[in-house]
PDB file of N, CA and C in Angstrom:
ATOM      1  N   MET A   1      17.009-157.508  -5.220  1.00  0.00           N
ATOM      2  CA  MET A   1      15.910-157.832  -4.342  1.00  0.00           C
ATOM      3  C   MET A   1      15.627-159.320  -4.487  1.00  0.00           C
ATOM      4  N   ASP A   2      15.558-159.985  -3.374  1.00  0.00           N
ATOM      5  CA  ASP A   2      15.203-161.399  -3.337  1.00  0.00           C
ATOM      6  C   ASP A   2      13.683-161.515  -3.429  1.00  0.00           C
ATOM      7  N   ILE A   3      13.210-162.553  -4.075  1.00  0.00           N
ATOM      8  CA  ILE A   3      11.765-162.765  -4.207  1.00  0.00           C
ATOM      9  C   ILE A   3      11.418-164.136  -3.663  1.00  0.00           C
ATOM     10  N   VAL A   4      10.389-164.181  -2.808  1.00  0.00           N
ATOM     11  CA  VAL A   4       9.907-165.451  -2.262  1.00  0.00           C
ATOM     12  C   VAL A   4       8.426-165.589  -2.597  1.00  0.00           C
ATOM     13  N   SER A   5       7.982-166.809  -2.710  1.00  0.00           N
ATOM     14  CA  SER A   5       6.570-167.058  -2.986  1.00  0.00           C
ATOM     15  C   SER A   5       5.769-166.919  -1.695  1.00  0.00           C
ATOM     16  N   THR A   6       4.472-166.793  -1.837  1.00  0.00           N
ATOM     17  CA  THR A   6       3.629-166.712  -0.647  1.00  0.00           C
ATOM     18  C   THR A   6       3.734-167.994   0.174  1.00  0.00           C
ATOM     19  N   ARG A   7       3.915-169.116  -0.502  1.00  0.00           N
ATOM     20  CA  ARG A   7       4.095-170.391   0.212  1.00  0.00           C
ATOM     21  C   ARG A   7       5.369-170.355   1.060  1.00  0.00           C
ATOM     22  N   ASP A   8       6.478-169.897   0.455  1.00  0.00           N
ATOM     23  CA  ASP A   8       7.735-169.796   1.207  1.00  0.00           C
ATOM     24  C   ASP A   8       7.632-168.755   2.316  1.00  0.00           C
ATOM     25  N   LEU A   9       6.882-167.698   2.065  1.00  0.00           N
ATOM     26  CA  LEU A   9       6.702-166.673   3.095  1.00  0.00           C
ATOM     27  C   LEU A   9       6.040-167.277   4.330  1.00  0.00           C
ATOM     28  N   ARG A  10       5.014-168.099   4.114  1.00  0.00           N
ATOM     29  CA  ARG A  10       4.342-168.738   5.251  1.00  0.00           C
ATOM     30  C   ARG A  10       5.310-169.605   6.050  1.00  0.00           C
ATOM     31  N   LEU A  11       6.202-170.278   5.356  1.00  0.00           N
ATOM     32  CA  LEU A  11       7.149-171.177   6.024  1.00  0.00           C
ATOM     33  C   LEU A  11       8.291-170.434   6.712  1.00  0.00           C
ATOM     34  N   HIS A  12       8.641-169.263   6.177  1.00  0.00           N
ATOM     35  CA  HIS A  12       9.845-168.555   6.650  1.00  0.00           C
ATOM     36  C   HIS A  12       9.561-167.106   7.034  1.00  0.00           C
ATOM     37  N   LEU A  13       8.387-166.852   7.577  1.00  0.00           N
ATOM     38  CA  LEU A  13       7.990-165.478   7.889  1.00  0.00           C
ATOM     39  C   LEU A  13       8.977-164.789   8.835  1.00  0.00           C
ATOM     40  N   ALA A  14       9.366-165.450   9.897  1.00  0.00           N
ATOM     41  CA  ALA A  14      10.285-164.835  10.864  1.00  0.00           C
ATOM     42  C   ALA A  14      11.610-164.464  10.203  1.00  0.00           C
ATOM     43  N   ASP A  15      12.105-165.327   9.347  1.00  0.00           N
ATOM     44  CA  ASP A  15      13.361-165.056   8.637  1.00  0.00           C
ATOM     45  C   ASP A  15      13.206-163.859   7.701  1.00  0.00           C
ATOM     46  N   VAL A  16      12.116-163.818   6.955  1.00  0.00           N
ATOM     47  CA  VAL A  16      11.884-162.709   6.029  1.00  0.00           C
ATOM     48  C   VAL A  16      11.779-161.395   6.790  1.00  0.00           C
ATOM     49  N   LEU A  17      11.051-161.391   7.891  1.00  0.00           N
ATOM     50  CA  LEU A  17      10.925-160.166   8.691  1.00  0.00           C
ATOM     51  C   LEU A  17      12.264-159.742   9.270  1.00  0.00           C
ATOM     52  N   GLY A  18      13.039-160.688   9.732  1.00  0.00           N
ATOM     53  CA  GLY A  18      14.363-160.376  10.261  1.00  0.00           C
ATOM     54  C   GLY A  18      15.285-159.789   9.214  1.00  0.00           C
ATOM     55  N   ARG A  19      15.258-160.380   8.030  1.00  0.00           N
ATOM     56  CA  ARG A  19      16.097-159.875   6.940  1.00  0.00           C
ATOM     57  C   ARG A  19      15.695-158.462   6.545  1.00  0.00           C
ATOM     58  N   ALA A  20      14.394-158.197   6.551  1.00  0.00           N
ATOM     59  CA  ALA A  20      13.918-156.865   6.176  1.00  0.00           C
ATOM     60  C   ALA A  20      14.224-155.845   7.267  1.00  0.00           C
ATOM     61  N   SER A  21      13.967-156.200   8.514  1.00  0.00           N
ATOM     62  CA  SER A  21      14.125-155.212   9.586  1.00  0.00           C
ATOM     63  C   SER A  21      15.568-155.030  10.022  1.00  0.00           C
ATOM     64  N   HIS A  22      16.324-156.103  10.131  1.00  0.00           N
ATOM     65  CA  HIS A  22      17.698-155.989  10.620  1.00  0.00           C
ATOM     66  C   HIS A  22      18.720-155.922   9.490  1.00  0.00           C
ATOM     67  N   GLY A  23      18.442-156.594   8.395  1.00  0.00           N
ATOM     68  CA  GLY A  23      19.378-156.613   7.284  1.00  0.00           C
ATOM     69  C   GLY A  23      19.105-155.564   6.231  1.00  0.00           C
ATOM     70  N   HIS A  24      18.033-154.807   6.414  1.00  0.00           N
ATOM     71  CA  HIS A  24      17.639-153.753   5.477  1.00  0.00           C
ATOM     72  C   HIS A  24      17.485-154.293   4.053  1.00  0.00           C
ATOM     73  N   GLU A  25      17.030-155.535   3.951  1.00  0.00           N
ATOM     74  CA  GLU A  25      16.767-156.119   2.635  1.00  0.00           C
ATOM     75  C   GLU A  25      15.355-155.784   2.203  1.00  0.00           C
ATOM     76  N   ARG A  26      15.175-155.712   0.907  1.00  0.00           N
ATOM     77  CA  ARG A  26      13.841-155.594   0.324  1.00  0.00           C
ATOM     78  C   ARG A  26      13.512-156.954  -0.257  1.00  0.00           C
ATOM     79  N   ILE A  27      12.426-157.525   0.205  1.00  0.00           N
ATOM     80  CA  ILE A  27      12.098-158.889  -0.193  1.00  0.00           C
ATOM     81  C   ILE A  27      10.740-158.874  -0.893  1.00  0.00           C
ATOM     82  N   GLY A  28      10.758-159.257  -2.157  1.00  0.00           N
ATOM     83  CA  GLY A  28       9.530-159.313  -2.940  1.00  0.00           C
ATOM     84  C   GLY A  28       8.745-160.570  -2.604  1.00  0.00           C
ATOM     85  N   ILE A  29       7.445-160.446  -2.624  1.00  0.00           N
ATOM     86  CA  ILE A  29       6.554-161.573  -2.391  1.00  0.00           C
ATOM     87  C   ILE A  29       5.797-161.817  -3.702  1.00  0.00           C
ATOM     88  N   SER A  30       5.918-163.033  -4.218  1.00  0.00           N
ATOM     89  CA  SER A  30       5.238-163.340  -5.474  1.00  0.00           C
ATOM     90  C   SER A  30       4.011-164.208  -5.224  1.00  0.00           C
ATOM     91  N   ARG A  31       3.018-163.972  -6.050  1.00  0.00           N
ATOM     92  CA  ARG A  31       1.796-164.779  -6.020  1.00  0.00           C
ATOM     93  C   ARG A  31       1.520-165.182  -7.465  1.00  0.00           C
ATOM     94  N   ASN A  32       1.410-166.478  -7.677  1.00  0.00           N
ATOM     95  CA  ASN A  32       1.190-167.002  -9.037  1.00  0.00           C
ATOM     96  C   ASN A  32       2.262-166.526 -10.008  1.00  0.00           C
ATOM     97  N   GLY A  33       3.503-166.439  -9.508  1.00  0.00           N
ATOM     98  CA  GLY A  33       4.631-166.069 -10.351  1.00  0.00           C
ATOM     99  C   GLY A  33       4.784-164.592 -10.627  1.00  0.00           C
ATOM    100  N   LYS A  34       3.915-163.748 -10.061  1.00  0.00           N
ATOM    101  CA  LYS A  34       3.994-162.305 -10.282  1.00  0.00           C
ATOM    102  C   LYS A  34       4.257-161.598  -8.967  1.00  0.00           C
ATOM    103  N   LEU A  35       5.087-160.565  -9.011  1.00  0.00           N
ATOM    104  CA  LEU A  35       5.384-159.782  -7.821  1.00  0.00           C
ATOM    105  C   LEU A  35       4.097-159.138  -7.315  1.00  0.00           C
ATOM    106  N   ALA A  36       3.760-159.403  -6.051  1.00  0.00           N
ATOM    107  CA  ALA A  36       2.511-158.905  -5.473  1.00  0.00           C
ATOM    108  C   ALA A  36       2.738-157.861  -4.389  1.00  0.00           C
ATOM    109  N   ALA A  37       3.868-157.927  -3.695  1.00  0.00           N
ATOM    110  CA  ALA A  37       4.142-157.005  -2.592  1.00  0.00           C
ATOM    111  C   ALA A  37       5.631-157.034  -2.292  1.00  0.00           C
ATOM    112  N   VAL A  38       6.059-156.096  -1.463  1.00  0.00           N
ATOM    113  CA  VAL A  38       7.455-156.042  -1.039  1.00  0.00           C
ATOM    114  C   VAL A  38       7.485-155.806   0.460  1.00  0.00           C
ATOM    115  N   VAL A  39       8.320-156.564   1.159  1.00  0.00           N
ATOM    116  CA  VAL A  39       8.509-156.383   2.596  1.00  0.00           C
ATOM    117  C   VAL A  39       9.774-155.555   2.791  1.00  0.00           C
ATOM    118  N   ILE A  40       9.628-154.448   3.531  1.00  0.00           N
ATOM    119  CA  ILE A  40      10.777-153.617   3.881  1.00  0.00           C
ATOM    120  C   ILE A  40      10.722-153.331   5.377  1.00  0.00           C
ATOM    121  N   GLY A  41      11.851-152.965   5.935  1.00  0.00           N
ATOM    122  CA  GLY A  41      11.908-152.638   7.348  1.00  0.00           C
ATOM    123  C   GLY A  41      11.324-151.262   7.636  1.00  0.00           C
ATOM    124  N   VAL A  42      11.010-151.038   8.885  1.00  0.00           N
ATOM    125  CA  VAL A  42      10.412-149.771   9.304  1.00  0.00           C
ATOM    126  C   VAL A  42      11.342-148.599   9.025  1.00  0.00           C
ATOM    127  N   GLU A  43      12.629-148.756   9.280  1.00  0.00           N
ATOM    128  CA  GLU A  43      13.578-147.664   9.023  1.00  0.00           C
ATOM    129  C   GLU A  43      13.586-147.296   7.550  1.00  0.00           C
ATOM    130  N   ASP A  44      13.531-148.299   6.675  1.00  0.00           N
ATOM    131  CA  ASP A  44      13.510-148.025   5.241  1.00  0.00           C
ATOM    132  C   ASP A  44      12.218-147.328   4.841  1.00  0.00           C
ATOM    133  N   LEU A  45      11.099-147.731   5.418  1.00  0.00           N
ATOM    134  CA  LEU A  45       9.821-147.079   5.145  1.00  0.00           C
ATOM    135  C   LEU A  45       9.859-145.627   5.591  1.00  0.00           C
ATOM    136  N   GLU A  46      10.379-145.377   6.777  1.00  0.00           N
ATOM    137  CA  GLU A  46      10.459-143.999   7.283  1.00  0.00           C
ATOM    138  C   GLU A  46      11.350-143.140   6.390  1.00  0.00           C
ATOM    139  N   ALA A  47      12.452-143.711   5.906  1.00  0.00           N
ATOM    140  CA  ALA A  47      13.341-142.968   5.008  1.00  0.00           C
ATOM    141  C   ALA A  47      12.640-142.659   3.689  1.00  0.00           C
ATOM    142  N   LEU A  48      11.894-143.617   3.169  1.00  0.00           N
ATOM    143  CA  LEU A  48      11.144-143.409   1.934  1.00  0.00           C
ATOM    144  C   LEU A  48      10.087-142.330   2.118  1.00  0.00           C
ATOM    145  N   GLU A  49       9.374-142.366   3.235  1.00  0.00           N
ATOM    146  CA  GLU A  49       8.356-141.354   3.499  1.00  0.00           C
ATOM    147  C   GLU A  49       8.977-139.974   3.667  1.00  0.00           C
ATOM    148  N   ALA A  50      10.133-139.882   4.315  1.00  0.00           N
ATOM    149  CA  ALA A  50      10.812-138.595   4.467  1.00  0.00           C
ATOM    150  C   ALA A  50      11.241-138.054   3.106  1.00  0.00           C
ATOM    151  N   PHE A  51      11.715-138.928   2.232  1.00  0.00           N
ATOM    152  CA  PHE A  51      12.096-138.532   0.879  1.00  0.00           C
ATOM    153  C   PHE A  51      10.887-138.011   0.109  1.00  0.00           C
ATOM    154  N   GLU A  52       9.758-138.726   0.204  1.00  0.00           N
ATOM    155  CA  GLU A  52       8.535-138.293  -0.470  1.00  0.00           C
ATOM    156  C   GLU A  52       8.059-136.950   0.075  1.00  0.00           C
ATOM    157  N   ASP A  53       8.130-136.763   1.389  1.00  0.00           N
ATOM    158  CA  ASP A  53       7.730-135.491   1.995  1.00  0.00           C
ATOM    159  C   ASP A  53       8.613-134.354   1.490  1.00  0.00           C
ATOM    160  N   ALA A  54       9.915-134.603   1.374  1.00  0.00           N
ATOM    161  CA  ALA A  54      10.839-133.575   0.885  1.00  0.00           C
ATOM    162  C   ALA A  54      10.531-133.217  -0.566  1.00  0.00           C
ATOM    163  N   GLN A  55      10.186-134.212  -1.374  1.00  0.00           N
ATOM    164  CA  GLN A  55       9.819-133.936  -2.767  1.00  0.00           C
ATOM    165  C   GLN A  55       8.531-133.114  -2.835  1.00  0.00           C
ATOM    166  N   ASP A  56       7.550-133.464  -2.002  1.00  0.00           N
ATOM    167  CA  ASP A  56       6.295-132.712  -1.969  1.00  0.00           C
ATOM    168  C   ASP A  56       6.535-131.264  -1.561  1.00  0.00           C
ATOM    169  N   LEU A  57       7.369-131.058  -0.557  1.00  0.00           N
ATOM    170  CA  LEU A  57       7.670-129.708  -0.091  1.00  0.00           C
ATOM    171  C   LEU A  57       8.384-128.907  -1.177  1.00  0.00           C
ATOM    172  N   ALA A  58       9.316-129.534  -1.871  1.00  0.00           N
ATOM    173  CA  ALA A  58      10.027-128.849  -2.951  1.00  0.00           C
ATOM    174  C   ALA A  58       9.068-128.475  -4.073  1.00  0.00           C
ATOM    175  N   ALA A  59       8.146-129.366  -4.417  1.00  0.00           N
ATOM    176  CA  ALA A  59       7.166-129.067  -5.469  1.00  0.00           C
ATOM    177  C   ALA A  59       6.239-127.933  -5.032  1.00  0.00           C
ATOM    178  N   TYR A  60       5.840-127.935  -3.770  1.00  0.00           N
ATOM    179  CA  TYR A  60       4.986-126.864  -3.243  1.00  0.00           C
ATOM    180  C   TYR A  60       5.712-125.519  -3.325  1.00  0.00           C
ATOM    181  N   ARG A  61       6.960-125.498  -2.887  1.00  0.00           N
ATOM    182  CA  ARG A  61       7.723-124.244  -2.912  1.00  0.00           C
ATOM    183  C   ARG A  61       7.922-123.741  -4.336  1.00  0.00           C
ATOM    184  N   GLU A  62       8.163-124.658  -5.260  1.00  0.00           N
ATOM    185  CA  GLU A  62       8.323-124.267  -6.659  1.00  0.00           C
ATOM    186  C   GLU A  62       7.017-123.678  -7.200  1.00  0.00           C
ATOM    187  N   ALA A  63       5.905-124.310  -6.872  1.00  0.00           N
ATOM    188  CA  ALA A  63       4.608-123.806  -7.324  1.00  0.00           C
ATOM    189  C   ALA A  63       4.330-122.429  -6.730  1.00  0.00           C
ATOM    190  N   MET A  64       4.658-122.232  -5.469  1.00  0.00           N
ATOM    191  CA  MET A  64       4.445-120.930  -4.833  1.00  0.00           C
ATOM    192  C   MET A  64       5.327-119.860  -5.478  1.00  0.00           C
ATOM    193  N   ASP A  65       6.567-120.225  -5.821  1.00  0.00           N
ATOM    194  CA  ASP A  65       7.467-119.270  -6.472  1.00  0.00           C
ATOM    195  C   ASP A  65       6.955-118.870  -7.854  1.00  0.00           C
ATOM    196  N   GLU A  66       6.295-119.793  -8.543  1.00  0.00           N
ATOM    197  CA  GLU A  66       5.798-119.526  -9.893  1.00  0.00           C
ATOM    198  C   GLU A  66       4.423-118.855  -9.888  1.00  0.00           C
ATOM    199  N   ASP A  67       3.750-118.812  -8.757  1.00  0.00           N
ATOM    200  CA  ASP A  67       2.411-118.238  -8.661  1.00  0.00           C
ATOM    201  C   ASP A  67       2.490-116.728  -8.812  1.00  0.00           C
ATOM    202  N   ASP A  68       1.808-116.198  -9.840  1.00  0.00           N
ATOM    203  CA  ASP A  68       1.827-114.750 -10.058  1.00  0.00           C
ATOM    204  C   ASP A  68       0.631-114.054  -9.420  1.00  0.00           C
ATOM    205  N   GLY A  69      -0.215-114.813  -8.715  1.00  0.00           N
ATOM    206  CA  GLY A  69      -1.345-114.237  -8.020  1.00  0.00           C
ATOM    207  C   GLY A  69      -2.595-114.086  -8.871  1.00  0.00           C
ATOM    208  N   THR A  70      -2.502-114.381 -10.156  1.00  0.00           N
ATOM    209  CA  THR A  70      -3.652-114.262 -11.043  1.00  0.00           C
ATOM    210  C   THR A  70      -4.648-115.373 -10.737  1.00  0.00           C
ATOM    211  N   ARG A  71      -5.910-114.999 -10.623  1.00  0.00           N
ATOM    212  CA  ARG A  71      -6.965-115.969 -10.357  1.00  0.00           C
ATOM    213  C   ARG A  71      -8.078-115.776 -11.367  1.00  0.00           C
ATOM    214  N   ILE A  72      -8.802-116.847 -11.670  1.00  0.00           N
ATOM    215  CA  ILE A  72      -9.968-116.755 -12.539  1.00  0.00           C
ATOM    216  C   ILE A  72     -11.135-117.429 -11.819  1.00  0.00           C
ATOM    217  N   SER A  73     -12.336-117.064 -12.231  1.00  0.00           N
ATOM    218  CA  SER A  73     -13.519-117.657 -11.616  1.00  0.00           C
ATOM    219  C   SER A  73     -13.796-119.018 -12.255  1.00  0.00           C
ATOM    220  N   LEU A  74     -14.663-119.772 -11.615  1.00  0.00           N
ATOM    221  CA  LEU A  74     -15.061-121.068 -12.155  1.00  0.00           C
ATOM    222  C   LEU A  74     -15.757-120.891 -13.500  1.00  0.00           C
ATOM    223  N   ASP A  75     -16.565-119.857 -13.628  1.00  0.00           N
ATOM    224  CA  ASP A  75     -17.244-119.592 -14.904  1.00  0.00           C
ATOM    225  C   ASP A  75     -16.235-119.297 -16.013  1.00  0.00           C
ATOM    226  N   GLU A  76     -15.197-118.535 -15.696  1.00  0.00           N
ATOM    227  CA  GLU A  76     -14.158-118.246 -16.688  1.00  0.00           C
ATOM    228  C   GLU A  76     -13.414-119.508 -17.100  1.00  0.00           C
ATOM    229  N   LEU A  77     -13.165-120.377 -16.144  1.00  0.00           N
ATOM    230  CA  LEU A  77     -12.497-121.640 -16.443  1.00  0.00           C
ATOM    231  C   LEU A  77     -13.348-122.495 -17.358  1.00  0.00           C
ATOM    232  N   ARG A  78     -14.631-122.615 -17.001  1.00  0.00           N
ATOM    233  CA  ARG A  78     -15.557-123.406 -17.845  1.00  0.00           C
ATOM    234  C   ARG A  78     -15.650-122.834 -19.254  1.00  0.00           C
ATOM    235  N   ALA A  79     -15.720-121.519 -19.363  1.00  0.00           N
ATOM    236  CA  ALA A  79     -15.805-120.888 -20.682  1.00  0.00           C
ATOM    237  C   ALA A  79     -14.550-121.171 -21.504  1.00  0.00           C
ATOM    238  N   GLY A  80     -13.411-121.157 -20.857  1.00  0.00           N
ATOM    239  CA  GLY A  80     -12.164-121.438 -21.550  1.00  0.00           C
ATOM    240  C   GLY A  80     -12.046-122.886 -21.993  1.00  0.00           C
ATOM    241  N   LEU A  81     -12.634-123.785 -21.234  1.00  0.00           N
ATOM    242  CA  LEU A  81     -12.578-125.203 -21.580  1.00  0.00           C
ATOM    243  C   LEU A  81     -13.541-125.556 -22.704  1.00  0.00           C
ATOM    244  N   SER A  82     -14.668-124.868 -22.761  1.00  0.00           N
ATOM    245  CA  SER A  82     -15.673-125.208 -23.773  1.00  0.00           C
ATOM    246  C   SER A  82     -15.445-124.447 -25.086  1.00  0.00           C
ATOM    247  N   GLY A  83     -14.629-123.454 -25.064  1.00  0.00           N
ATOM    248  CA  GLY A  83     -14.460-122.619 -26.251  1.00  0.00           C
ATOM    249  C   GLY A  83     -13.267-122.951 -26.970  1.00  0.00           C
TER     250      GLY A  83
END
């Protein structure tokens, strides 16, 4: 990942956006020498969100498979936590 300063970003914004959107590059933006943000293209963002959604769905399905249907009341939960 290439890293540019906020000063360089101001000077080369069009280039950075082009590299991210068309070149599928991830470009870090530094402020005061520390990484502050990352510019990525829309396609990469959509792919990342789809991956996160798939992970969430898999975790949900796993939780549903492990659910034995047993439920407790709020009072029972509180009693178990305090005892």
